[in-house]
Amino acid sequence: MIRARPRTNTDGLGMTSPRARERLIESLRNNGIRNERVLDAMRQVPRHLFIDEALASRAYEDTALPIGRGQTISQPWVVARMTEAVLEGHTCRKVLEIGTGSGYQAAVLAQLVDDVYSVERIDELQRAARRRFRQLAYRNIHCRHADGQLGWEENAPYDAVIVTAAGSAFDQQLLRQLTPDGVLVAPVGEPGSQQLMRWRGGEAGWKPEVLCQVAFVPLLSGTL
């Protein structure tokens, strides 16, 4: 069941039209995305509103795009795969996102879970994402300008944590903010050799698994 749908009448024409979105969804399906709830959420989110207007014609290409300050909006396939990985095999109502960026990943999650708590270290990006969430009437996304490596402990525990930047190693701080059977999905590794990892909680502790190879911007500490 989709939790929330963006309120917008700016569907656009040509390369930002519903037909362009549907081509993207078919591409995602053909490349292994199987969760129909995730595909429907991706279909509903107007990705062209999360990027610079000059790049709108490329919004529904399956590629990462720049959003300023050395950051990117992730490739749609990666957003879909990370979302699938978060939801798979357990009940997920409350998610912590590290790295709001453009807000696109949070918007997709917001349609599938009750609440998304999103932390962004770059204030300019965080403010722009807030404006988009207000424009699209997402009321279940909660934003914070802070060091994402510290998480958002006041609202813990979370059913899942999703990290949208890559660290060279993994910090246990975020695992401590999960429920005992929670899930953490994050890219790990140096540029050129990053792996998307998933940790699942259970009686035997946290079990890691490699999902695929990825390329993300680095996870940095502090705030800007």
C-alpha atoms as a PDB file:
ATOM      1  CA  MET A   1       0.000   0.000   0.000  1.00  0.00           C
ATOM      2  CA  ILE A   2       1.410   3.399  -0.967  1.00  0.00           C
ATOM      3  CA  ARG A   3       1.611   5.587   2.157  1.00  0.00           C
ATOM      4  CA  ALA A   4       1.658   9.016   0.478  1.00  0.00           C
ATOM      5  CA  ARG A   5       1.477  10.395  -3.015  1.00  0.00           C
ATOM      6  CA  PRO A   6       3.073  13.698  -4.058  1.00  0.00           C
ATOM      7  CA  ARG A   7       0.588  16.487  -4.708  1.00  0.00           C
ATOM      8  CA  THR A   8       1.629  18.166  -7.939  1.00  0.00           C
ATOM      9  CA  ASN A   9       0.174  19.153 -11.277  1.00  0.00           C
ATOM     10  CA  THR A  10       3.619  19.686 -12.832  1.00  0.00           C
ATOM     11  CA  ASP A  11       3.854  16.358 -14.655  1.00  0.00           C
ATOM     12  CA  GLY A  12       5.536  18.075 -17.578  1.00  0.00           C
ATOM     13  CA  LEU A  13       5.769  17.242 -21.249  1.00  0.00           C
ATOM     14  CA  GLY A  14       8.193  15.374 -23.455  1.00  0.00           C
ATOM     15  CA  MET A  15      11.111  13.947 -21.487  1.00  0.00           C
ATOM     16  CA  THR A  16       9.388  14.669 -18.133  1.00  0.00           C
ATOM     17  CA  SER A  17       6.011  13.233 -19.130  1.00  0.00           C
ATOM     18  CA  PRO A  18       4.252  10.223 -17.559  1.00  0.00           C
ATOM     19  CA  ARG A  19       5.301   8.256 -20.661  1.00  0.00           C
ATOM     20  CA  ALA A  20       8.971   9.020 -19.912  1.00  0.00           C
ATOM     21  CA  ARG A  21       8.461   7.842 -16.328  1.00  0.00           C
ATOM     22  CA  GLU A  22       6.902   4.616 -17.552  1.00  0.00           C
ATOM     23  CA  ARG A  23       9.898   3.936 -19.778  1.00  0.00           C
ATOM     24  CA  LEU A  24      12.109   4.286 -16.710  1.00  0.00           C
ATOM     25  CA  ILE A  25       9.937   1.861 -14.728  1.00  0.00           C
ATOM     26  CA  GLU A  26      10.162  -0.721 -17.502  1.00  0.00           C
ATOM     27  CA  SER A  27      13.933  -0.273 -17.573  1.00  0.00           C
ATOM     28  CA  LEU A  28      14.124  -0.838 -13.806  1.00  0.00           C
ATOM     29  CA  ARG A  29      11.946  -3.954 -14.091  1.00  0.00           C
ATOM     30  CA  ASN A  30      14.038  -5.308 -16.949  1.00  0.00           C
ATOM     31  CA  ASN A  31      17.179  -4.781 -14.876  1.00  0.00           C
ATOM     32  CA  GLY A  32      16.026  -6.827 -11.924  1.00  0.00           C
ATOM     33  CA  ILE A  33      13.818  -4.646  -9.719  1.00  0.00           C
ATOM     34  CA  ARG A  34      10.973  -6.963  -8.720  1.00  0.00           C
ATOM     35  CA  ASN A  35       9.112  -5.246  -5.856  1.00  0.00           C
ATOM     36  CA  GLU A  36       5.998  -3.748  -7.455  1.00  0.00           C
ATOM     37  CA  ARG A  37       5.414  -1.433  -4.476  1.00  0.00           C
ATOM     38  CA  VAL A  38       8.859   0.047  -5.032  1.00  0.00           C
ATOM     39  CA  LEU A  39       8.261   0.398  -8.760  1.00  0.00           C
ATOM     40  CA  ASP A  40       4.941   2.144  -8.115  1.00  0.00           C
ATOM     41  CA  ALA A  41       6.604   4.545  -5.674  1.00  0.00           C
ATOM     42  CA  MET A  42       9.299   5.315  -8.262  1.00  0.00           C
ATOM     43  CA  ARG A  43       6.576   5.915 -10.847  1.00  0.00           C
ATOM     44  CA  GLN A  44       4.791   8.430  -8.615  1.00  0.00           C
ATOM     45  CA  VAL A  45       7.754  10.605  -7.616  1.00  0.00           C
ATOM     46  CA  PRO A  46       8.367  13.470 -10.105  1.00  0.00           C
ATOM     47  CA  ARG A  47      12.167  13.142 -10.332  1.00  0.00           C
ATOM     48  CA  HIS A  48      12.413  16.208 -12.587  1.00  0.00           C
ATOM     49  CA  LEU A  49      11.453  18.377  -9.593  1.00  0.00           C
ATOM     50  CA  PHE A  50      14.457  17.118  -7.616  1.00  0.00           C
ATOM     51  CA  ILE A  51      17.099  18.340 -10.086  1.00  0.00           C
ATOM     52  CA  ASP A  52      18.090  21.601 -11.725  1.00  0.00           C
ATOM     53  CA  GLU A  53      15.637  22.714 -14.408  1.00  0.00           C
ATOM     54  CA  ALA A  54      18.445  22.691 -16.971  1.00  0.00           C
ATOM     55  CA  LEU A  55      18.766  18.914 -16.519  1.00  0.00           C
ATOM     56  CA  ALA A  56      15.018  18.175 -16.534  1.00  0.00           C
ATOM     57  CA  SER A  57      15.188  16.517 -19.944  1.00  0.00           C
ATOM     58  CA  ARG A  58      17.433  13.833 -18.398  1.00  0.00           C
ATOM     59  CA  ALA A  59      15.325  13.301 -15.268  1.00  0.00           C
ATOM     60  CA  TYR A  60      14.002   9.874 -16.306  1.00  0.00           C
ATOM     61  CA  GLU A  61      17.241   8.504 -17.639  1.00  0.00           C
ATOM     62  CA  ASP A  62      18.658   5.751 -15.449  1.00  0.00           C
ATOM     63  CA  THR A  63      21.696   7.768 -14.457  1.00  0.00           C
ATOM     64  CA  ALA A  64      23.045   9.853 -11.576  1.00  0.00           C
ATOM     65  CA  LEU A  65      22.985  13.631 -12.091  1.00  0.00           C
ATOM     66  CA  PRO A  66      24.740  16.542 -10.339  1.00  0.00           C
ATOM     67  CA  ILE A  67      22.796  18.587  -7.781  1.00  0.00           C
ATOM     68  CA  GLY A  68      25.540  21.010  -6.740  1.00  0.00           C
ATOM     69  CA  ARG A  69      28.079  21.166  -3.906  1.00  0.00           C
ATOM     70  CA  GLY A  70      29.842  18.112  -5.336  1.00  0.00           C
ATOM     71  CA  GLN A  71      26.794  15.896  -4.709  1.00  0.00           C
ATOM     72  CA  THR A  72      24.535  13.848  -6.998  1.00  0.00           C
ATOM     73  CA  ILE A  73      21.005  12.542  -7.200  1.00  0.00           C
ATOM     74  CA  SER A  74      21.465   8.777  -7.306  1.00  0.00           C
ATOM     75  CA  GLN A  75      20.783   6.617 -10.332  1.00  0.00           C
ATOM     76  CA  PRO A  76      17.125   5.477 -10.192  1.00  0.00           C
ATOM     77  CA  TRP A  77      18.136   1.785 -10.311  1.00  0.00           C
ATOM     78  CA  VAL A  78      20.297   2.288  -7.212  1.00  0.00           C
ATOM     79  CA  VAL A  79      17.468   4.116  -5.396  1.00  0.00           C
ATOM     80  CA  ALA A  80      15.078   1.275  -6.254  1.00  0.00           C
ATOM     81  CA  ARG A  81      17.572  -1.438  -5.239  1.00  0.00           C
ATOM     82  CA  MET A  82      18.350   0.211  -1.909  1.00  0.00           C
ATOM     83  CA  THR A  83      14.654   0.668  -1.213  1.00  0.00           C
ATOM     84  CA  GLU A  84      13.965  -2.993  -2.026  1.00  0.00           C
ATOM     85  CA  ALA A  85      16.807  -4.024   0.258  1.00  0.00           C
ATOM     86  CA  VAL A  86      15.400  -1.967   3.140  1.00  0.00           C
ATOM     87  CA  LEU A  87      11.878  -3.399   2.817  1.00  0.00           C
ATOM     88  CA  GLU A  88      12.679  -7.021   2.047  1.00  0.00           C
ATOM     89  CA  GLY A  89      11.742  -9.608   4.648  1.00  0.00           C
ATOM     90  CA  HIS A  90      10.581  -7.436   7.556  1.00  0.00           C
ATOM     91  CA  THR A  91       8.058  -4.818   8.608  1.00  0.00           C
ATOM     92  CA  CYS A  92       9.452  -1.345   8.049  1.00  0.00           C
ATOM     93  CA  ARG A  93       7.572   1.678   9.380  1.00  0.00           C
ATOM     94  CA  LYS A  94      10.284   4.100  10.469  1.00  0.00           C
ATOM     95  CA  VAL A  95      13.463   4.775   8.457  1.00  0.00           C
ATOM     96  CA  LEU A  96      16.525   6.912   9.109  1.00  0.00           C
ATOM     97  CA  GLU A  97      18.231   8.260   5.974  1.00  0.00           C
ATOM     98  CA  ILE A  98      21.799   9.541   6.138  1.00  0.00           C
ATOM     99  CA  GLY A  99      22.333  12.053   3.346  1.00  0.00           C
ATOM    100  CA  THR A 100      19.170  13.847   2.215  1.00  0.00           C
ATOM    101  CA  GLY A 101      20.821  15.290  -0.896  1.00  0.00           C
ATOM    102  CA  SER A 102      18.103  16.334  -3.349  1.00  0.00           C
ATOM    103  CA  GLY A 103      15.439  14.541  -1.285  1.00  0.00           C
ATOM    104  CA  TYR A 104      14.593  12.013  -4.004  1.00  0.00           C
ATOM    105  CA  GLN A 105      15.404   8.864  -2.021  1.00  0.00           C
ATOM    106  CA  ALA A 106      13.443  10.177   0.968  1.00  0.00           C
ATOM    107  CA  ALA A 107      10.448  10.937  -1.269  1.00  0.00           C
ATOM    108  CA  VAL A 108      10.430   7.362  -2.597  1.00  0.00           C
ATOM    109  CA  LEU A 109      10.674   5.940   0.925  1.00  0.00           C
ATOM    110  CA  ALA A 110       7.942   8.268   2.201  1.00  0.00           C
ATOM    111  CA  GLN A 111       5.387   6.488   0.021  1.00  0.00           C
ATOM    112  CA  LEU A 112       6.246   3.108   1.511  1.00  0.00           C
ATOM    113  CA  VAL A 113       6.791   3.695   5.236  1.00  0.00           C
ATOM    114  CA  ASP A 114       5.111   5.723   7.964  1.00  0.00           C
ATOM    115  CA  ASP A 115       7.982   8.119   8.695  1.00  0.00           C
ATOM    116  CA  VAL A 116      11.334   9.039   7.173  1.00  0.00           C
ATOM    117  CA  TYR A 117      13.926  10.871   9.287  1.00  0.00           C
ATOM    118  CA  SER A 118      16.559  12.378   6.990  1.00  0.00           C
ATOM    119  CA  VAL A 119      19.865  13.986   8.008  1.00  0.00           C
ATOM    120  CA  GLU A 120      21.949  16.195   5.683  1.00  0.00           C
ATOM    121  CA  ARG A 121      25.308  17.812   6.502  1.00  0.00           C
ATOM    122  CA  ILE A 122      25.079  20.530   3.787  1.00  0.00           C
ATOM    123  CA  ASP A 123      22.560  23.150   4.888  1.00  0.00           C
ATOM    124  CA  GLU A 124      21.935  24.481   1.356  1.00  0.00           C
ATOM    125  CA  LEU A 125      20.868  21.039   0.137  1.00  0.00           C
ATOM    126  CA  GLN A 126      18.784  20.364   3.228  1.00  0.00           C
ATOM    127  CA  ARG A 127      16.841  23.622   2.802  1.00  0.00           C
ATOM    128  CA  ALA A 128      16.195  22.943  -0.882  1.00  0.00           C
ATOM    129  CA  ALA A 129      14.941  19.442  -0.073  1.00  0.00           C
ATOM    130  CA  ARG A 130      12.588  20.827   2.575  1.00  0.00           C
ATOM    131  CA  ARG A 131      11.081  23.190   0.008  1.00  0.00           C
ATOM    132  CA  ARG A 132      10.466  20.279  -2.369  1.00  0.00           C
ATOM    133  CA  PHE A 133       8.827  18.223   0.361  1.00  0.00           C
ATOM    134  CA  ARG A 134       6.498  21.119   1.191  1.00  0.00           C
ATOM    135  CA  GLN A 135       5.680  21.688  -2.491  1.00  0.00           C
ATOM    136  CA  LEU A 136       4.802  18.005  -2.926  1.00  0.00           C
ATOM    137  CA  ALA A 137       2.929  17.767   0.413  1.00  0.00           C
ATOM    138  CA  TYR A 138       5.107  15.074   1.988  1.00  0.00           C
ATOM    139  CA  ARG A 139       4.193  15.348   5.654  1.00  0.00           C
ATOM    140  CA  ASN A 140       5.956  12.213   6.870  1.00  0.00           C
ATOM    141  CA  ILE A 141       9.516  13.321   6.052  1.00  0.00           C
ATOM    142  CA  HIS A 142      11.396  14.915   8.953  1.00  0.00           C
ATOM    143  CA  CYS A 143      14.636  16.771   8.119  1.00  0.00           C
ATOM    144  CA  ARG A 144      17.664  17.771  10.137  1.00  0.00           C
ATOM    145  CA  HIS A 145      20.870  19.658   9.329  1.00  0.00           C
ATOM    146  CA  ALA A 146      23.543  17.704  11.194  1.00  0.00           C
ATOM    147  CA  ASP A 147      26.479  15.320  10.893  1.00  0.00           C
ATOM    148  CA  GLY A 148      24.888  12.202   9.416  1.00  0.00           C
ATOM    149  CA  GLN A 149      27.558   9.898  10.813  1.00  0.00           C
ATOM    150  CA  LEU A 150      26.013  10.504  14.240  1.00  0.00           C
ATOM    151  CA  GLY A 151      22.536   9.463  13.084  1.00  0.00           C
ATOM    152  CA  TRP A 152      19.487  10.969  14.812  1.00  0.00           C
ATOM    153  CA  GLU A 153      19.467   9.312  18.198  1.00  0.00           C
ATOM    154  CA  GLU A 154      16.542  11.244  19.665  1.00  0.00           C
ATOM    155  CA  ASN A 155      14.095   9.425  17.391  1.00  0.00           C
ATOM    156  CA  ALA A 156      15.674   5.964  17.608  1.00  0.00           C
ATOM    157  CA  PRO A 157      15.080   3.089  17.343  1.00  0.00           C
ATOM    158  CA  TYR A 158      14.484   2.770  13.609  1.00  0.00           C
ATOM    159  CA  ASP A 159      13.338  -0.249  11.632  1.00  0.00           C
ATOM    160  CA  ALA A 160      15.902   0.589   8.964  1.00  0.00           C
ATOM    161  CA  VAL A 161      18.784   2.920   8.209  1.00  0.00           C
ATOM    162  CA  ILE A 162      19.759   3.815   4.643  1.00  0.00           C
ATOM    163  CA  VAL A 163      23.040   5.613   3.910  1.00  0.00           C
ATOM    164  CA  THR A 164      23.430   7.464   0.614  1.00  0.00           C
ATOM    165  CA  ALA A 165      27.188   8.106   0.724  1.00  0.00           C
ATOM    166  CA  ALA A 166      30.098   5.698   0.986  1.00  0.00           C
ATOM    167  CA  GLY A 167      32.443   5.282   3.938  1.00  0.00           C
ATOM    168  CA  SER A 168      35.764   3.473   3.755  1.00  0.00           C
ATOM    169  CA  ALA A 169      34.645   1.426   6.760  1.00  0.00           C
ATOM    170  CA  PHE A 170      31.424   1.086   8.693  1.00  0.00           C
ATOM    171  CA  ASP A 171      30.678   2.905  11.955  1.00  0.00           C
ATOM    172  CA  GLN A 172      28.757   0.942  14.594  1.00  0.00           C
ATOM    173  CA  GLN A 173      27.032   4.146  15.744  1.00  0.00           C
ATOM    174  CA  LEU A 174      24.174   3.668  13.270  1.00  0.00           C
ATOM    175  CA  LEU A 175      23.600   0.010  14.163  1.00  0.00           C
ATOM    176  CA  ARG A 176      22.979   1.069  17.761  1.00  0.00           C
ATOM    177  CA  GLN A 177      20.033   3.183  16.571  1.00  0.00           C
ATOM    178  CA  LEU A 178      18.227   0.221  14.992  1.00  0.00           C
ATOM    179  CA  THR A 179      15.669  -2.172  16.419  1.00  0.00           C
ATOM    180  CA  PRO A 180      17.126  -5.636  17.214  1.00  0.00           C
ATOM    181  CA  ASP A 181      15.740  -7.065  13.963  1.00  0.00           C
ATOM    182  CA  GLY A 182      16.396  -3.924  11.918  1.00  0.00           C
ATOM    183  CA  VAL A 183      18.177  -3.486   8.594  1.00  0.00           C
ATOM    184  CA  LEU A 184      20.973  -1.171   7.527  1.00  0.00           C
ATOM    185  CA  VAL A 185      21.800  -0.596   3.850  1.00  0.00           C
ATOM    186  CA  ALA A 186      24.935   1.361   2.977  1.00  0.00           C
ATOM    187  CA  PRO A 187      27.705   1.599   0.366  1.00  0.00           C
ATOM    188  CA  VAL A 188      31.154   0.808   1.748  1.00  0.00           C
ATOM    189  CA  GLY A 189      34.597   1.145   0.194  1.00  0.00           C
ATOM    190  CA  GLU A 190      36.951   3.494  -1.579  1.00  0.00           C
ATOM    191  CA  PRO A 191      36.055   5.115  -4.932  1.00  0.00           C
ATOM    192  CA  GLY A 192      36.266   2.531  -7.684  1.00  0.00           C
ATOM    193  CA  SER A 193      35.745  -0.436  -5.365  1.00  0.00           C
ATOM    194  CA  GLN A 194      32.524   0.262  -3.464  1.00  0.00           C
ATOM    195  CA  GLN A 195      30.009  -2.409  -2.509  1.00  0.00           C
ATOM    196  CA  LEU A 196      26.406  -1.937  -1.460  1.00  0.00           C
ATOM    197  CA  MET A 197      26.076  -3.807   1.843  1.00  0.00           C
ATOM    198  CA  ARG A 198      23.124  -4.863   3.965  1.00  0.00           C
ATOM    199  CA  TRP A 199      23.256  -5.742   7.655  1.00  0.00           C
ATOM    200  CA  ARG A 200      20.333  -7.630   9.188  1.00  0.00           C
ATOM    201  CA  GLY A 201      19.784  -7.921  12.916  1.00  0.00           C
ATOM    202  CA  GLY A 202      18.955 -11.197  14.659  1.00  0.00           C
ATOM    203  CA  GLU A 203      19.724 -13.436  17.616  1.00  0.00           C
ATOM    204  CA  ALA A 204      23.229 -14.096  16.273  1.00  0.00           C
ATOM    205  CA  GLY A 205      23.981 -10.375  15.908  1.00  0.00           C
ATOM    206  CA  TRP A 206      24.387  -8.335  12.747  1.00  0.00           C
ATOM    207  CA  LYS A 207      24.817 -10.376   9.584  1.00  0.00           C
ATOM    208  CA  PRO A 208      26.398  -8.544   6.606  1.00  0.00           C
ATOM    209  CA  GLU A 209      25.841  -9.352   2.944  1.00  0.00           C
ATOM    210  CA  VAL A 210      27.065  -7.818  -0.314  1.00  0.00           C
ATOM    211  CA  LEU A 211      24.279  -6.744  -2.687  1.00  0.00           C
ATOM    212  CA  CYS A 212      26.102  -5.261  -5.683  1.00  0.00           C
ATOM    213  CA  GLN A 213      28.862  -2.943  -6.866  1.00  0.00           C
ATOM    214  CA  VAL A 214      28.071   0.786  -6.698  1.00  0.00           C
ATOM    215  CA  ALA A 215      29.623   4.249  -7.000  1.00  0.00           C
ATOM    216  CA  PHE A 216      28.709   6.911  -4.417  1.00  0.00           C
ATOM    217  CA  VAL A 217      30.105  10.220  -3.231  1.00  0.00           C
ATOM    218  CA  PRO A 218      32.126   9.892  -0.001  1.00  0.00           C
ATOM    219  CA  LEU A 219      30.545   9.977   3.451  1.00  0.00           C
ATOM    220  CA  LEU A 220      32.022  12.981   5.268  1.00  0.00           C
ATOM    221  CA  SER A 221      31.824  14.161   8.862  1.00  0.00           C
ATOM    222  CA  GLY A 222      30.876  17.597  10.163  1.00  0.00           C
ATOM    223  CA  THR A 223      28.436  20.130   8.713  1.00  0.00           C
ATOM    224  CA  LEU A 224      28.517  22.877   6.094  1.00  0.00           C
END
